Amino acid sequence: MLRRLASKNVFQQPVKSVHELAGINPAGFISGKKTVFSGIGPATLEKIQARAKLLTTKDAKPYLRAPVVLPVSALELFFDLEVDPMRDVCYLHGFVERRSGNTKAEKFVPFFANDPTDAAEERAFADAWRYIQASQPCSIYYYSKYERTLYRKLRAKYPHICTEAEIEALFNPASAVDLYFDVVLKATEWPTHDFSIKTLAKYLGFAWRDTHPSGAASIEWFDRWVRTRDPNIRQRILDYNEDDCRATRVLLDGIRGMAA
């Protein structure tokens, strides 16, 4: 993002690099509620300039821009879904559960739809829902609004599994936290070019086991699993999802360790 913004073509101004962006005084580019940069308001300019400074400062550390209040619970669930949009099926609900902050004893709990059918999707959703309910009380962490959006969609598709009110209660921000939207975007700054879970977790030292981890790759693996039933491919899907869940836990711990 910063590389794109710090360019003459986007700004129509002589700010040609991230280094130059880091060196500007934002106040000199702000007039009232606008800036000289089309489509970029004062608050956004100040944020991207702060990140440019981090990117160009040796050994810069991420920091909190605002206080963060996170739930405290003996049981934490780190949650990630895998969806095939071509088949319109949610084929994996993955959870890493950690009790009493004991990372060494955390475990991965997956609910996998072996077939791209409504029956298999429904069964995986029902099993995942029962697991979540049996885990209460707990804190749930996920990365982006996607999980909440998909659970609302699944509830509408399979209304006998749970009610709309139960879904909304599950995602109550008092106990369920979207680390991306509610914490990373609103309250943190990082010396990285983007805020994807892979970028931030890798910055914090986490490594995915797969050499080419991505949601798109998982979809391709699921297609191969459906066609071949190769157990190695199924395991690759599970490993990738587990790593995404663990990356969310790594990010949470990193945010908790930040100094404002």
C-alpha atoms as a PDB file:
ATOM      1  CA  MET A   1       0.000   0.000   0.000  1.00  0.00           C
ATOM      2  CA  LEU A   2       2.712   2.462   0.953  1.00  0.00           C
ATOM      3  CA  ARG A   3       4.650   1.805  -2.244  1.00  0.00           C
ATOM      4  CA  ARG A   4       1.512   2.609  -4.210  1.00  0.00           C
ATOM      5  CA  LEU A   5       0.654   5.712  -2.204  1.00  0.00           C
ATOM      6  CA  ALA A   6       4.188   7.081  -2.184  1.00  0.00           C
ATOM      7  CA  SER A   7       4.218   7.578  -5.930  1.00  0.00           C
ATOM      8  CA  LYS A   8       3.708  10.588  -8.135  1.00  0.00           C
ATOM      9  CA  ASN A   9       1.011   8.868 -10.181  1.00  0.00           C
ATOM     10  CA  VAL A  10      -1.223   8.316  -7.153  1.00  0.00           C
ATOM     11  CA  PHE A  11      -0.579  11.526  -5.263  1.00  0.00           C
ATOM     12  CA  GLN A  12       0.011  13.814  -8.239  1.00  0.00           C
ATOM     13  CA  GLN A  13       2.569  15.347  -5.890  1.00  0.00           C
ATOM     14  CA  PRO A  14       6.384  15.090  -5.706  1.00  0.00           C
ATOM     15  CA  VAL A  15       6.449  12.336  -3.071  1.00  0.00           C
ATOM     16  CA  LYS A  16       8.245   9.601  -4.944  1.00  0.00           C
ATOM     17  CA  SER A  17       9.206   6.995  -2.358  1.00  0.00           C
ATOM     18  CA  VAL A  18       8.456   5.594   1.068  1.00  0.00           C
ATOM     19  CA  HIS A  19      11.600   7.358   2.332  1.00  0.00           C
ATOM     20  CA  GLU A  20      10.303  10.723   1.111  1.00  0.00           C
ATOM     21  CA  LEU A  21       6.899  10.009   2.616  1.00  0.00           C
ATOM     22  CA  ALA A  22       8.570   9.244   5.949  1.00  0.00           C
ATOM     23  CA  GLY A  23      10.294  12.610   5.893  1.00  0.00           C
ATOM     24  CA  ILE A  24       7.311  14.868   5.244  1.00  0.00           C
ATOM     25  CA  ASN A  25       5.520  16.914   7.873  1.00  0.00           C
ATOM     26  CA  PRO A  26       1.880  15.854   7.452  1.00  0.00           C
ATOM     27  CA  ALA A  27       0.636  19.222   8.740  1.00  0.00           C
ATOM     28  CA  GLY A  28       2.111  20.890   5.683  1.00  0.00           C
ATOM     29  CA  PHE A  29      -0.122  18.813   3.414  1.00  0.00           C
ATOM     30  CA  ILE A  30      -3.362  19.314   5.376  1.00  0.00           C
ATOM     31  CA  SER A  31      -5.901  22.070   4.860  1.00  0.00           C
ATOM     32  CA  GLY A  32      -8.927  21.871   7.102  1.00  0.00           C
ATOM     33  CA  LYS A  33     -10.569  18.478   6.648  1.00  0.00           C
ATOM     34  CA  LYS A  34      -8.689  17.702   3.439  1.00  0.00           C
ATOM     35  CA  THR A  35      -5.168  17.040   2.256  1.00  0.00           C
ATOM     36  CA  VAL A  36      -3.502  17.912  -1.020  1.00  0.00           C
ATOM     37  CA  PHE A  37      -3.651  14.210  -1.895  1.00  0.00           C
ATOM     38  CA  SER A  38      -6.847  13.249  -3.675  1.00  0.00           C
ATOM     39  CA  GLY A  39      -8.964  10.743  -1.760  1.00  0.00           C
ATOM     40  CA  ILE A  40      -6.768  10.763   1.349  1.00  0.00           C
ATOM     41  CA  GLY A  41      -7.976  12.498   4.503  1.00  0.00           C
ATOM     42  CA  PRO A  42      -5.819  13.954   7.289  1.00  0.00           C
ATOM     43  CA  ALA A  43      -6.142  10.947   9.615  1.00  0.00           C
ATOM     44  CA  THR A  44      -5.216   8.507   6.839  1.00  0.00           C
ATOM     45  CA  LEU A  45      -2.249  10.623   5.787  1.00  0.00           C
ATOM     46  CA  GLU A  46      -0.948  10.734   9.350  1.00  0.00           C
ATOM     47  CA  LYS A  47      -1.291   6.955   9.670  1.00  0.00           C
ATOM     48  CA  ILE A  48       0.497   6.109   6.437  1.00  0.00           C
ATOM     49  CA  GLN A  49       3.228   8.622   7.184  1.00  0.00           C
ATOM     50  CA  ALA A  50       3.734   7.036  10.604  1.00  0.00           C
ATOM     51  CA  ARG A  51       4.033   3.629   8.989  1.00  0.00           C
ATOM     52  CA  ALA A  52       6.489   5.002   6.424  1.00  0.00           C
ATOM     53  CA  LYS A  53       8.628   6.220   9.317  1.00  0.00           C
ATOM     54  CA  LEU A  54       8.565   2.745  10.836  1.00  0.00           C
ATOM     55  CA  LEU A  55       9.500   1.131   7.528  1.00  0.00           C
ATOM     56  CA  THR A  56      12.482   3.404   7.099  1.00  0.00           C
ATOM     57  CA  THR A  57      13.723   3.250  10.694  1.00  0.00           C
ATOM     58  CA  LYS A  58      16.238   0.554  11.512  1.00  0.00           C
ATOM     59  CA  ASP A  59      15.022  -1.965  14.094  1.00  0.00           C
ATOM     60  CA  ALA A  60      11.660  -0.211  14.388  1.00  0.00           C
ATOM     61  CA  LYS A  61       9.111  -1.967  16.575  1.00  0.00           C
ATOM     62  CA  PRO A  62       5.318  -2.127  16.259  1.00  0.00           C
ATOM     63  CA  TYR A  63       3.374  -0.142  18.795  1.00  0.00           C
ATOM     64  CA  LEU A  64      -0.124   0.631  20.046  1.00  0.00           C
ATOM     65  CA  ARG A  65      -1.708   3.851  18.811  1.00  0.00           C
ATOM     66  CA  ALA A  66      -4.603   3.470  21.234  1.00  0.00           C
ATOM     67  CA  PRO A  67      -5.392   1.381  24.313  1.00  0.00           C
ATOM     68  CA  VAL A  68      -6.604  -2.159  23.613  1.00  0.00           C
ATOM     69  CA  VAL A  69      -8.916  -4.030  25.981  1.00  0.00           C
ATOM     70  CA  LEU A  70      -8.969  -7.779  25.311  1.00  0.00           C
ATOM     71  CA  PRO A  71     -11.136 -10.368  27.066  1.00  0.00           C
ATOM     72  CA  VAL A  72      -9.583 -12.568  29.721  1.00  0.00           C
ATOM     73  CA  SER A  73     -10.638 -16.204  29.723  1.00  0.00           C
ATOM     74  CA  ALA A  74      -9.183 -19.506  30.861  1.00  0.00           C
ATOM     75  CA  LEU A  75     -10.040 -20.967  27.443  1.00  0.00           C
ATOM     76  CA  GLU A  76      -9.151 -19.208  24.191  1.00  0.00           C
ATOM     77  CA  LEU A  77     -10.253 -20.407  20.740  1.00  0.00           C
ATOM     78  CA  PHE A  78      -8.427 -19.227  17.606  1.00  0.00           C
ATOM     79  CA  PHE A  79     -10.784 -19.672  14.688  1.00  0.00           C
ATOM     80  CA  ASP A  80     -10.380 -19.915  10.897  1.00  0.00           C
ATOM     81  CA  LEU A  81     -12.642 -21.100   8.065  1.00  0.00           C
ATOM     82  CA  GLU A  82     -11.841 -22.506   4.629  1.00  0.00           C
ATOM     83  CA  VAL A  83     -14.376 -21.931   1.854  1.00  0.00           C
ATOM     84  CA  ASP A  84     -14.549 -22.985  -1.796  1.00  0.00           C
ATOM     85  CA  PRO A  85     -16.393 -20.088  -3.502  1.00  0.00           C
ATOM     86  CA  MET A  86     -16.684 -21.968  -6.797  1.00  0.00           C
ATOM     87  CA  ARG A  87     -18.684 -24.741  -5.130  1.00  0.00           C
ATOM     88  CA  ASP A  88     -20.169 -22.388  -2.527  1.00  0.00           C
ATOM     89  CA  VAL A  89     -19.216 -24.705   0.314  1.00  0.00           C
ATOM     90  CA  CYS A  90     -17.507 -24.124   3.661  1.00  0.00           C
ATOM     91  CA  TYR A  91     -15.314 -27.204   3.921  1.00  0.00           C
ATOM     92  CA  LEU A  92     -13.353 -26.624   7.114  1.00  0.00           C
ATOM     93  CA  HIS A  93     -13.913 -25.058  10.530  1.00  0.00           C
ATOM     94  CA  GLY A  94     -10.594 -24.993  12.357  1.00  0.00           C
ATOM     95  CA  PHE A  95      -9.891 -24.123  15.985  1.00  0.00           C
ATOM     96  CA  VAL A  96      -6.747 -23.998  18.053  1.00  0.00           C
ATOM     97  CA  GLU A  97      -7.662 -24.080  21.725  1.00  0.00           C
ATOM     98  CA  ARG A  98      -5.384 -22.809  24.474  1.00  0.00           C
ATOM     99  CA  ARG A  99      -6.130 -23.232  28.150  1.00  0.00           C
ATOM    100  CA  SER A 100      -4.732 -21.002  30.904  1.00  0.00           C
ATOM    101  CA  GLY A 101      -2.238 -19.475  28.481  1.00  0.00           C
ATOM    102  CA  ASN A 102      -0.390 -22.780  28.083  1.00  0.00           C
ATOM    103  CA  THR A 103       0.788 -22.617  24.482  1.00  0.00           C
ATOM    104  CA  LYS A 104       2.737 -25.866  24.729  1.00  0.00           C
ATOM    105  CA  ALA A 105      -0.451 -27.769  25.488  1.00  0.00           C
ATOM    106  CA  GLU A 106      -2.680 -26.109  22.890  1.00  0.00           C
ATOM    107  CA  LYS A 107      -4.431 -28.394  20.406  1.00  0.00           C
ATOM    108  CA  PHE A 108      -6.008 -28.186  16.961  1.00  0.00           C
ATOM    109  CA  VAL A 109      -9.666 -29.161  16.602  1.00  0.00           C
ATOM    110  CA  PRO A 110     -10.910 -29.370  12.967  1.00  0.00           C
ATOM    111  CA  PHE A 111     -14.340 -30.056  11.494  1.00  0.00           C
ATOM    112  CA  PHE A 112     -13.906 -31.083   7.868  1.00  0.00           C
ATOM    113  CA  ALA A 113     -16.532 -31.552   5.140  1.00  0.00           C
ATOM    114  CA  ASN A 114     -15.227 -34.512   3.185  1.00  0.00           C
ATOM    115  CA  ASP A 115     -17.540 -33.812   0.251  1.00  0.00           C
ATOM    116  CA  PRO A 116     -18.638 -30.591  -1.497  1.00  0.00           C
ATOM    117  CA  THR A 117     -22.280 -31.246  -0.651  1.00  0.00           C
ATOM    118  CA  ASP A 118     -24.872 -29.511   1.484  1.00  0.00           C
ATOM    119  CA  ALA A 119     -25.082 -32.588   3.698  1.00  0.00           C
ATOM    120  CA  ALA A 120     -21.337 -32.585   4.422  1.00  0.00           C
ATOM    121  CA  GLU A 121     -21.252 -28.810   4.914  1.00  0.00           C
ATOM    122  CA  GLU A 122     -24.218 -28.994   7.281  1.00  0.00           C
ATOM    123  CA  ARG A 123     -22.629 -31.780   9.323  1.00  0.00           C
ATOM    124  CA  ALA A 124     -19.328 -29.891   9.687  1.00  0.00           C
ATOM    125  CA  PHE A 125     -21.168 -26.714  10.722  1.00  0.00           C
ATOM    126  CA  ALA A 126     -23.319 -28.590  13.237  1.00  0.00           C
ATOM    127  CA  ASP A 127     -20.295 -30.314  14.750  1.00  0.00           C
ATOM    128  CA  ALA A 128     -18.358 -27.049  14.954  1.00  0.00           C
ATOM    129  CA  TRP A 129     -21.339 -25.318  16.563  1.00  0.00           C
ATOM    130  CA  ARG A 130     -21.692 -28.034  19.205  1.00  0.00           C
ATOM    131  CA  TYR A 131     -17.973 -27.774  19.928  1.00  0.00           C
ATOM    132  CA  ILE A 132     -18.178 -24.004  20.382  1.00  0.00           C
ATOM    133  CA  GLN A 133     -21.167 -24.312  22.713  1.00  0.00           C
ATOM    134  CA  ALA A 134     -19.444 -27.027  24.749  1.00  0.00           C
ATOM    135  CA  SER A 135     -16.395 -24.746  25.062  1.00  0.00           C
ATOM    136  CA  GLN A 136     -18.285 -21.918  26.767  1.00  0.00           C
ATOM    137  CA  PRO A 137     -17.260 -19.774  28.515  1.00  0.00           C
ATOM    138  CA  CYS A 138     -14.309 -18.857  26.292  1.00  0.00           C
ATOM    139  CA  SER A 139     -12.768 -16.063  24.272  1.00  0.00           C
ATOM    140  CA  ILE A 140     -12.756 -16.401  20.482  1.00  0.00           C
ATOM    141  CA  TYR A 141     -10.249 -14.722  18.173  1.00  0.00           C
ATOM    142  CA  TYR A 142     -10.405 -14.542  14.385  1.00  0.00           C
ATOM    143  CA  TYR A 143      -8.889 -12.350  11.657  1.00  0.00           C
ATOM    144  CA  SER A 144     -11.351 -10.305   9.545  1.00  0.00           C
ATOM    145  CA  LYS A 145     -15.132 -10.198   9.413  1.00  0.00           C
ATOM    146  CA  TYR A 146     -15.200 -13.218   7.111  1.00  0.00           C
ATOM    147  CA  GLU A 147     -15.829 -15.769   9.866  1.00  0.00           C
ATOM    148  CA  ARG A 148     -18.779 -13.850  11.264  1.00  0.00           C
ATOM    149  CA  THR A 149     -20.211 -13.264   7.788  1.00  0.00           C
ATOM    150  CA  LEU A 150     -19.912 -16.953   6.891  1.00  0.00           C
ATOM    151  CA  TYR A 151     -21.504 -18.096  10.137  1.00  0.00           C
ATOM    152  CA  ARG A 152     -24.459 -15.821   9.503  1.00  0.00           C
ATOM    153  CA  LYS A 153     -24.756 -17.312   6.017  1.00  0.00           C
ATOM    154  CA  LEU A 154     -24.501 -20.885   7.310  1.00  0.00           C
ATOM    155  CA  ARG A 155     -27.128 -20.216   9.978  1.00  0.00           C
ATOM    156  CA  ALA A 156     -29.510 -18.893   7.313  1.00  0.00           C
ATOM    157  CA  LYS A 157     -28.849 -21.966   5.190  1.00  0.00           C
ATOM    158  CA  TYR A 158     -29.236 -24.436   8.075  1.00  0.00           C
ATOM    159  CA  PRO A 159     -31.584 -22.631  10.501  1.00  0.00           C
ATOM    160  CA  HIS A 160     -32.281 -25.695  12.648  1.00  0.00           C
ATOM    161  CA  ILE A 161     -28.661 -25.743  13.921  1.00  0.00           C
ATOM    162  CA  CYS A 162     -28.805 -22.432  15.764  1.00  0.00           C
ATOM    163  CA  THR A 163     -30.775 -19.204  15.878  1.00  0.00           C
ATOM    164  CA  GLU A 164     -29.845 -15.784  14.572  1.00  0.00           C
ATOM    165  CA  ALA A 165     -29.707 -14.520  18.154  1.00  0.00           C
ATOM    166  CA  GLU A 166     -27.261 -17.283  19.079  1.00  0.00           C
ATOM    167  CA  ILE A 167     -24.946 -16.337  16.209  1.00  0.00           C
ATOM    168  CA  GLU A 168     -25.003 -12.684  17.237  1.00  0.00           C
ATOM    169  CA  ALA A 169     -24.315 -13.675  20.853  1.00  0.00           C
ATOM    170  CA  LEU A 170     -21.372 -15.819  19.730  1.00  0.00           C
ATOM    171  CA  PHE A 171     -19.773 -12.839  18.007  1.00  0.00           C
ATOM    172  CA  ASN A 172     -20.416 -10.416  20.852  1.00  0.00           C
ATOM    173  CA  PRO A 173     -17.235  -8.284  20.960  1.00  0.00           C
ATOM    174  CA  ALA A 174     -17.051  -8.756  24.721  1.00  0.00           C
ATOM    175  CA  SER A 175     -15.848 -12.315  24.089  1.00  0.00           C
ATOM    176  CA  ALA A 176     -15.212 -12.634  20.330  1.00  0.00           C
ATOM    177  CA  VAL A 177     -12.557 -10.387  18.809  1.00  0.00           C
ATOM    178  CA  ASP A 178     -11.842  -9.625  15.179  1.00  0.00           C
ATOM    179  CA  LEU A 179      -8.134  -8.950  15.596  1.00  0.00           C
ATOM    180  CA  TYR A 180      -7.847  -7.388  12.153  1.00  0.00           C
ATOM    181  CA  PHE A 181     -10.639  -4.831  12.149  1.00  0.00           C
ATOM    182  CA  ASP A 182     -11.081  -4.151  15.858  1.00  0.00           C
ATOM    183  CA  VAL A 183      -7.451  -4.211  16.974  1.00  0.00           C
ATOM    184  CA  VAL A 184      -4.807  -4.128  14.233  1.00  0.00           C
ATOM    185  CA  LEU A 185      -6.457  -1.488  12.023  1.00  0.00           C
ATOM    186  CA  LYS A 186      -7.826   0.657  14.829  1.00  0.00           C
ATOM    187  CA  ALA A 187      -5.087   0.558  17.424  1.00  0.00           C
ATOM    188  CA  THR A 188      -1.705  -0.634  16.136  1.00  0.00           C
ATOM    189  CA  GLU A 189       1.114   0.391  13.837  1.00  0.00           C
ATOM    190  CA  TRP A 190       3.614  -2.007  12.233  1.00  0.00           C
ATOM    191  CA  PRO A 191       6.842  -1.679  10.240  1.00  0.00           C
ATOM    192  CA  THR A 192       5.275  -3.701   7.405  1.00  0.00           C
ATOM    193  CA  HIS A 193       3.829  -2.883   4.000  1.00  0.00           C
ATOM    194  CA  ASP A 194       0.494  -4.532   4.795  1.00  0.00           C
ATOM    195  CA  PHE A 195      -1.506  -5.960   7.690  1.00  0.00           C
ATOM    196  CA  SER A 196      -2.289  -9.436   6.374  1.00  0.00           C
ATOM    197  CA  ILE A 197      -2.139 -12.220   8.956  1.00  0.00           C
ATOM    198  CA  LYS A 198       0.740 -13.826   7.072  1.00  0.00           C
ATOM    199  CA  THR A 199       2.773 -10.631   7.005  1.00  0.00           C
ATOM    200  CA  LEU A 200       2.271  -9.829  10.689  1.00  0.00           C
ATOM    201  CA  ALA A 201       2.709 -13.380  12.001  1.00  0.00           C
ATOM    202  CA  LYS A 202       5.859 -13.838   9.922  1.00  0.00           C
ATOM    203  CA  TYR A 203       7.144 -10.528  11.288  1.00  0.00           C
ATOM    204  CA  LEU A 204       6.603 -11.968  14.779  1.00  0.00           C
ATOM    205  CA  GLY A 205       8.629 -15.058  13.884  1.00  0.00           C
ATOM    206  CA  PHE A 206       5.902 -17.527  12.931  1.00  0.00           C
ATOM    207  CA  ALA A 207       6.447 -19.859   9.956  1.00  0.00           C
ATOM    208  CA  TRP A 208       3.824 -21.799   8.017  1.00  0.00           C
ATOM    209  CA  ARG A 209       4.769 -25.408   7.386  1.00  0.00           C
ATOM    210  CA  ASP A 210       3.673 -25.296   3.750  1.00  0.00           C
ATOM    211  CA  THR A 211       6.033 -23.660   1.279  1.00  0.00           C
ATOM    212  CA  HIS A 212       3.190 -21.853  -0.536  1.00  0.00           C
ATOM    213  CA  PRO A 213       0.451 -21.204   2.029  1.00  0.00           C
ATOM    214  CA  SER A 214      -2.639 -19.326   0.885  1.00  0.00           C
ATOM    215  CA  GLY A 215      -6.383 -19.530   0.903  1.00  0.00           C
ATOM    216  CA  ALA A 216      -6.357 -19.956  -2.874  1.00  0.00           C
ATOM    217  CA  ALA A 217      -3.983 -22.902  -2.547  1.00  0.00           C
ATOM    218  CA  SER A 218      -6.273 -24.498   0.047  1.00  0.00           C
ATOM    219  CA  ILE A 219      -9.179 -24.273  -2.400  1.00  0.00           C
ATOM    220  CA  GLU A 220      -7.079 -25.983  -5.068  1.00  0.00           C
ATOM    221  CA  TRP A 221      -6.070 -28.695  -2.577  1.00  0.00           C
ATOM    222  CA  PHE A 222      -9.717 -29.246  -1.667  1.00  0.00           C
ATOM    223  CA  ASP A 223     -10.557 -29.721  -5.332  1.00  0.00           C
ATOM    224  CA  ARG A 224      -7.767 -32.308  -5.602  1.00  0.00           C
ATOM    225  CA  TRP A 225      -9.011 -34.030  -2.431  1.00  0.00           C
ATOM    226  CA  VAL A 226     -12.544 -34.286  -3.860  1.00  0.00           C
ATOM    227  CA  ARG A 227     -11.199 -35.793  -7.095  1.00  0.00           C
ATOM    228  CA  THR A 228      -8.502 -38.099  -5.706  1.00  0.00           C
ATOM    229  CA  ARG A 229      -9.241 -38.750  -2.008  1.00  0.00           C
ATOM    230  CA  ASP A 230      -5.519 -38.554  -1.398  1.00  0.00           C
ATOM    231  CA  PRO A 231      -5.104 -38.449   2.415  1.00  0.00           C
ATOM    232  CA  ASN A 232      -1.892 -36.442   2.051  1.00  0.00           C
ATOM    233  CA  ILE A 233      -3.809 -33.655   0.358  1.00  0.00           C
ATOM    234  CA  ARG A 234      -6.455 -33.666   3.082  1.00  0.00           C
ATOM    235  CA  GLN A 235      -3.705 -33.407   5.689  1.00  0.00           C
ATOM    236  CA  ARG A 236      -2.131 -30.513   3.813  1.00  0.00           C
ATOM    237  CA  ILE A 237      -5.444 -28.647   4.026  1.00  0.00           C
ATOM    238  CA  LEU A 238      -5.668 -29.327   7.757  1.00  0.00           C
ATOM    239  CA  ASP A 239      -2.054 -28.297   8.393  1.00  0.00           C
ATOM    240  CA  TYR A 240      -2.553 -25.028   6.556  1.00  0.00           C
ATOM    241  CA  ASN A 241      -5.696 -24.201   8.511  1.00  0.00           C
ATOM    242  CA  GLU A 242      -4.029 -25.130  11.785  1.00  0.00           C
ATOM    243  CA  ASP A 243      -1.135 -22.814  10.989  1.00  0.00           C
ATOM    244  CA  ASP A 244      -3.555 -19.974  10.231  1.00  0.00           C
ATOM    245  CA  CYS A 245      -5.185 -20.522  13.623  1.00  0.00           C
ATOM    246  CA  ARG A 246      -1.809 -20.611  15.378  1.00  0.00           C
ATOM    247  CA  ALA A 247      -0.736 -17.467  13.521  1.00  0.00           C
ATOM    248  CA  THR A 248      -3.773 -15.714  15.000  1.00  0.00           C
ATOM    249  CA  ARG A 249      -2.624 -16.800  18.459  1.00  0.00           C
ATOM    250  CA  VAL A 250       0.909 -15.549  17.746  1.00  0.00           C
ATOM    251  CA  LEU A 251      -0.519 -12.197  16.694  1.00  0.00           C
ATOM    252  CA  LEU A 252      -2.650 -11.927  19.824  1.00  0.00           C
ATOM    253  CA  ASP A 253       0.375 -12.602  22.025  1.00  0.00           C
ATOM    254  CA  GLY A 254       2.393 -10.057  20.045  1.00  0.00           C
ATOM    255  CA  ILE A 255      -0.269  -7.383  20.548  1.00  0.00           C
ATOM    256  CA  ARG A 256      -0.467  -8.143  24.256  1.00  0.00           C
ATOM    257  CA  GLY A 257       3.263  -7.667  24.484  1.00  0.00           C
ATOM    258  CA  MET A 258       3.292  -4.235  22.825  1.00  0.00           C
ATOM    259  CA  ALA A 259       4.152  -1.075  24.656  1.00  0.00           C
ATOM    260  CA  ALA A 260       1.949   1.927  23.908  1.00  0.00           C
END
